[in-house]
Structure formats: C-alpha cells, structure tokens
C-alpha atoms as a PDB file:
ATOM      1  CA  UNK A   1     165.085 -87.208 101.351  1.00  0.00           C
ATOM      2  CA  UNK A   2     162.581 -88.642 103.689  1.00  0.00           C
ATOM      3  CA  UNK A   3     163.085 -88.832 107.443  1.00  0.00           C
ATOM      4  CA  UNK A   4     163.564 -92.528 108.496  1.00  0.00           C
ATOM      5  CA  UNK A   5     163.129 -93.214 112.142  1.00  0.00           C
ATOM      6  CA  UNK A   6     162.932 -96.823 113.484  1.00  0.00           C
ATOM      7  CA  UNK A   7     163.853 -97.945 116.913  1.00  0.00           C
ATOM      8  CA  UNK A   8     162.659-101.442 117.688  1.00  0.00           C
ATOM      9  CA  UNK A   9     164.451-104.099 119.647  1.00  0.00           C
ATOM     10  CA  UNK A  10     163.496-107.632 120.561  1.00  0.00           C
ATOM     11  CA  UNK A  11     165.664-109.542 123.242  1.00  0.00           C
ATOM     12  CA  UNK A  12     165.154-112.630 125.052  1.00  0.00           C
ATOM     13  CA  UNK A  13     167.192-114.057 128.037  1.00  0.00           C
ATOM     14  CA  UNK A  14     167.097-114.475 131.758  1.00  0.00           C
ATOM     15  CA  UNK A  15     166.491-111.974 134.431  1.00  0.00           C
ATOM     16  CA  UNK A  16     169.540-111.561 136.616  1.00  0.00           C
ATOM     17  CA  UNK A  17     167.733-110.422 139.778  1.00  0.00           C
ATOM     18  CA  UNK A  18     164.138-110.178 141.022  1.00  0.00           C
ATOM     19  CA  UNK A  19     162.388-107.193 139.376  1.00  0.00           C
ATOM     20  CA  UNK A  20     161.322-104.697 142.048  1.00  0.00           C
ATOM     21  CA  UNK A  21     158.166-102.750 141.436  1.00  0.00           C
ATOM     22  CA  UNK A  22     158.290 -99.055 142.329  1.00  0.00           C
ATOM     23  CA  UNK A  23     156.002 -96.127 141.871  1.00  0.00           C
ATOM     24  CA  UNK A  24     156.839 -92.556 140.703  1.00  0.00           C
ATOM     25  CA  UNK A  25     155.710 -89.672 142.900  1.00  0.00           C
ATOM     26  CA  UNK A  26     152.645 -89.471 140.642  1.00  0.00           C
ATOM     27  CA  UNK A  27     151.823 -93.124 141.166  1.00  0.00           C
ATOM     28  CA  UNK A  28     152.903 -94.653 138.011  1.00  0.00           C
ATOM     29  CA  UNK A  29     154.435 -98.249 138.235  1.00  0.00           C
ATOM     30  CA  UNK A  30     157.991 -98.865 136.980  1.00  0.00           C
ATOM     31  CA  UNK A  31     160.544-101.651 137.314  1.00  0.00           C
ATOM     32  CA  UNK A  32     164.055-101.741 136.037  1.00  0.00           C
ATOM     33  CA  UNK A  33     166.214-104.898 135.804  1.00  0.00           C
ATOM     34  CA  UNK A  34     168.878-106.679 133.661  1.00  0.00           C
ATOM     35  CA  UNK A  35     168.487-109.430 131.144  1.00  0.00           C
ATOM     36  CA  UNK A  36     171.378-111.705 130.406  1.00  0.00           C
ATOM     37  CA  UNK A  37     171.296-112.521 126.778  1.00  0.00           C
ATOM     38  CA  UNK A  38     173.641-115.364 125.565  1.00  0.00           C
ATOM     39  CA  UNK A  39     175.762-114.693 122.416  1.00  0.00           C
ATOM     40  CA  UNK A  40     175.545-117.176 119.597  1.00  0.00           C
ATOM     41  CA  UNK A  41     178.843-118.737 120.163  1.00  0.00           C
ATOM     42  CA  UNK A  42     181.006-120.391 122.884  1.00  0.00           C
ATOM     43  CA  UNK A  43     184.268-118.846 124.275  1.00  0.00           C
ATOM     44  CA  UNK A  44     187.576-119.824 122.799  1.00  0.00           C
ATOM     45  CA  UNK A  45     187.989-122.538 125.515  1.00  0.00           C
ATOM     46  CA  UNK A  46     184.586-123.902 124.670  1.00  0.00           C
ATOM     47  CA  UNK A  47     183.326-123.957 128.334  1.00  0.00           C
ATOM     48  CA  UNK A  48     181.125-120.936 128.657  1.00  0.00           C
ATOM     49  CA  UNK A  49     178.851-118.940 126.331  1.00  0.00           C
ATOM     50  CA  UNK A  50     179.501-115.243 126.690  1.00  0.00           C
ATOM     51  CA  UNK A  51     176.513-113.078 127.552  1.00  0.00           C
ATOM     52  CA  UNK A  52     175.524-109.464 127.291  1.00  0.00           C
ATOM     53  CA  UNK A  53     173.728-107.752 130.153  1.00  0.00           C
ATOM     54  CA  UNK A  54     171.035-105.547 128.990  1.00  0.00           C
ATOM     55  CA  UNK A  55     169.460-102.982 131.200  1.00  0.00           C
ATOM     56  CA  UNK A  56     165.610-102.879 130.855  1.00  0.00           C
ATOM     57  CA  UNK A  57     162.847-100.625 132.115  1.00  0.00           C
ATOM     58  CA  UNK A  58     159.063-101.380 132.030  1.00  0.00           C
ATOM     59  CA  UNK A  59     156.290 -99.038 132.925  1.00  0.00           C
ATOM     60  CA  UNK A  60     152.682 -99.211 134.093  1.00  0.00           C
ATOM     61  CA  UNK A  61     150.840-102.554 133.565  1.00  0.00           C
ATOM     62  CA  UNK A  62     153.800-104.149 131.944  1.00  0.00           C
ATOM     63  CA  UNK A  63     155.927-103.331 134.992  1.00  0.00           C
ATOM     64  CA  UNK A  64     153.227-104.846 137.225  1.00  0.00           C
ATOM     65  CA  UNK A  65     153.095-107.977 135.093  1.00  0.00           C
ATOM     66  CA  UNK A  66     156.894-108.491 135.042  1.00  0.00           C
ATOM     67  CA  UNK A  67     157.307-107.939 138.707  1.00  0.00           C
ATOM     68  CA  UNK A  68     154.369-110.258 139.573  1.00  0.00           C
ATOM     69  CA  UNK A  69     155.176-113.243 137.441  1.00  0.00           C
ATOM     70  CA  UNK A  70     159.038-113.110 136.722  1.00  0.00           C
ATOM     71  CA  UNK A  71     161.990-113.642 139.273  1.00  0.00           C
ATOM     72  CA  UNK A  72     165.761-114.040 139.055  1.00  0.00           C
ATOM     73  CA  UNK A  73     166.481-116.671 136.407  1.00  0.00           C
ATOM     74  CA  UNK A  74     163.154-116.512 134.667  1.00  0.00           C
ATOM     75  CA  UNK A  75     163.287-116.620 130.811  1.00  0.00           C
ATOM     76  CA  UNK A  76     161.769-113.429 129.358  1.00  0.00           C
ATOM     77  CA  UNK A  77     161.266-111.973 125.937  1.00  0.00           C
ATOM     78  CA  UNK A  78     160.706-108.228 125.553  1.00  0.00           C
ATOM     79  CA  UNK A  79     160.108-105.812 122.629  1.00  0.00           C
ATOM     80  CA  UNK A  80     160.682-102.181 122.964  1.00  0.00           C
ATOM     81  CA  UNK A  81     162.903 -99.301 122.048  1.00  0.00           C
ATOM     82  CA  UNK A  82     166.385 -98.297 122.894  1.00  0.00           C
ATOM     83  CA  UNK A  83     166.711 -95.079 124.831  1.00  0.00           C
ATOM     84  CA  UNK A  84     169.713 -93.167 126.146  1.00  0.00           C
ATOM     85  CA  UNK A  85     169.858 -90.616 129.085  1.00  0.00           C
ATOM     86  CA  UNK A  86     172.416 -88.402 130.460  1.00  0.00           C
ATOM     87  CA  UNK A  87     172.629 -86.673 133.873  1.00  0.00           C
ATOM     88  CA  UNK A  88     175.127 -85.122 136.347  1.00  0.00           C
ATOM     89  CA  UNK A  89     175.730 -87.163 139.410  1.00  0.00           C
ATOM     90  CA  UNK A  90     176.219 -85.587 142.857  1.00  0.00           C
ATOM     91  CA  UNK A  91     179.909 -85.179 142.193  1.00  0.00           C
ATOM     92  CA  UNK A  92     178.918 -83.190 138.948  1.00  0.00           C
ATOM     93  CA  UNK A  93     180.277 -85.989 136.756  1.00  0.00           C
ATOM     94  CA  UNK A  94     178.231 -86.602 133.548  1.00  0.00           C
ATOM     95  CA  UNK A  95     176.688 -89.993 133.482  1.00  0.00           C
ATOM     96  CA  UNK A  96     175.089 -91.967 130.631  1.00  0.00           C
ATOM     97  CA  UNK A  97     172.731 -94.810 130.480  1.00  0.00           C
ATOM     98  CA  UNK A  98     171.404 -96.854 127.555  1.00  0.00           C
ATOM     99  CA  UNK A  99     168.350 -99.138 128.205  1.00  0.00           C
ATOM    100  CA  UNK A 100     165.565-100.999 126.541  1.00  0.00           C
ATOM    101  CA  UNK A 101     162.144 -99.447 127.397  1.00  0.00           C
ATOM    102  CA  UNK A 102     159.693-102.275 127.163  1.00  0.00           C
ATOM    103  CA  UNK A 103     156.567-102.147 125.051  1.00  0.00           C
ATOM    104  CA  UNK A 104     155.622-105.793 125.520  1.00  0.00           C
ATOM    105  CA  UNK A 105     156.745-108.695 127.583  1.00  0.00           C
ATOM    106  CA  UNK A 106     156.275-112.558 127.250  1.00  0.00           C
ATOM    107  CA  UNK A 107     157.544-115.737 128.605  1.00  0.00           C
ATOM    108  CA  UNK A 108     160.517-116.974 126.620  1.00  0.00           C
ATOM    109  CA  UNK A 109     161.378-120.589 125.820  1.00  0.00           C
ATOM    110  CA  UNK A 110     163.363-122.366 128.406  1.00  0.00           C
ATOM    111  CA  UNK A 111     166.000-123.139 125.864  1.00  0.00           C
ATOM    112  CA  UNK A 112     167.375-119.643 126.000  1.00  0.00           C
END
C-alpha cells in the first residue's frame, strides 16, 4: 500500500488584530495572527453568522508582506498546511496548538 500524505488548506476571512512582525534570534521574520472565517450558515435566530477563529503563522517574505499590507479587519486568503505542536508550559502542563502555516497570502474579496 502506497503512503499518501497530503496537507493543504485554503482559508479566507478577516484578520482579527493587526499582525505584528517579529524576528527569531537568527533574524528570520515571522508573524502570527488569527483569521475569522464565517461559516456557511446563519445562527438559529438568523441574526449572526457563526465564525471559526483560525490561528495562522507566516514566515520570511510572506510574514513581511502580511504585516506591511494587512491590518485588523482586512480580508485575507491564505494557502498553507496545518501543523500541530506540543510543549510543557512553565507550570509543567502539556499544551497543544494547531495552526495554519502559510505558503501564500493574497487579498480576499470584500464579500467574505
């Protein structure tokens, strides 16, 4: 049986806070932020559209592009892969994170 590995995600939504550009100790640019992605239906009362809040990380030139041209409320479409991480916090508790690591970023239509 062949090994099949495919990890590709495309999301479009609005940035929930201004992306902040940081640098690793070795000088690599990185930014992490959240994209609010509306679901395809309205809530039971019909007043609000539920949203998912997706954690996103971009590196190098993509991080610089996003932090330079996008701000809170901007529509953004990203493609990338889903990655998970685990670590122990300062109390020793095991912590988990799931995020989209961006390969490409583009302006999204305002209708999002």
